[in-house]
């Protein structure tokens, strides 16, 4: 393993969803020969200085609870991937902001699709959407333990973002020993809309062929399956593929992004997918980590 390699970053809050994400992240990191950093974000220091134990009550206190959660996350990772280098970080701040900042120095950031239940579950669920829209590296949103042998699915639309996602999907499939399914969904538009086009649509067949050629060049030994689809709903077609896949890999924006941070297809898939979704984002050079650490330990 390259000692300078950027780690895989995963958040842990004690929920079952977060534990599933930690296991996925640990196995991904191990197969990628990368270290793993498990992060627990706590907000209590922003509101109170009373973080220590209650007098006479062993094991009490907000700091102890946060440290215990972090250690639990480390144990989950160690059990999933024995021998993996795991670092833990206890960081003060709101999860979305903290993980976005830390993503500047990560190879991938991994998040559970939802966190602790009830109303808080809605808030924690928004972290995944925030990361998908603003992280500085690829983002994996994990909903389930992926089955061994399940295919990696890459959706392409001819955009540079989708081709970047394809390269990432090639590497994931190679690491998993999985088949790569390259999917392009051609839109089945009504004739009235076709007549209104001012520019010709990219040829679906050439988009898929270009993508498959790139995949072969990226991972020559990979088994690749072309999946041409036609539908009036691109998200609907992709959602049907997510449940049985190891993961679906998408670019954050497609050909119709219009400068938005997150494309409408990605937005819909993230909200409704039954399986794991990986969002490819342009990576930035590592920068100084300005996040305030409440504590840090390496195991």
Foldseek 3Di string as FASTA:
>chain_A
DDPLAFAEEAEFDPFPLSLLQLLVRLLLCVLVVHAYEYEYEDAVVVPDPFADADPPDPQHGNVSVRVVRQVVSVVSSCVSHPPGWYWYFYFYDDLLVQQQLSLLRHQEYEYECFGDDDPNRVVSNVSQVSCLLRHQHKYKYFHHNADQQFEEEQEWQQDPLSLLLLLVSLVSCVSSVYAYEYEYEAEPDDPVVVVPDPDDGPDRVVRQVVSVVSSCVSPVVHHYHYHYHYYNDPLVVVLVRAQRHQEYTGEQDHPPRVPGSGHPSRVSCSVDHNGMYMYGDHHDHRDDRPTGTPDIGTD
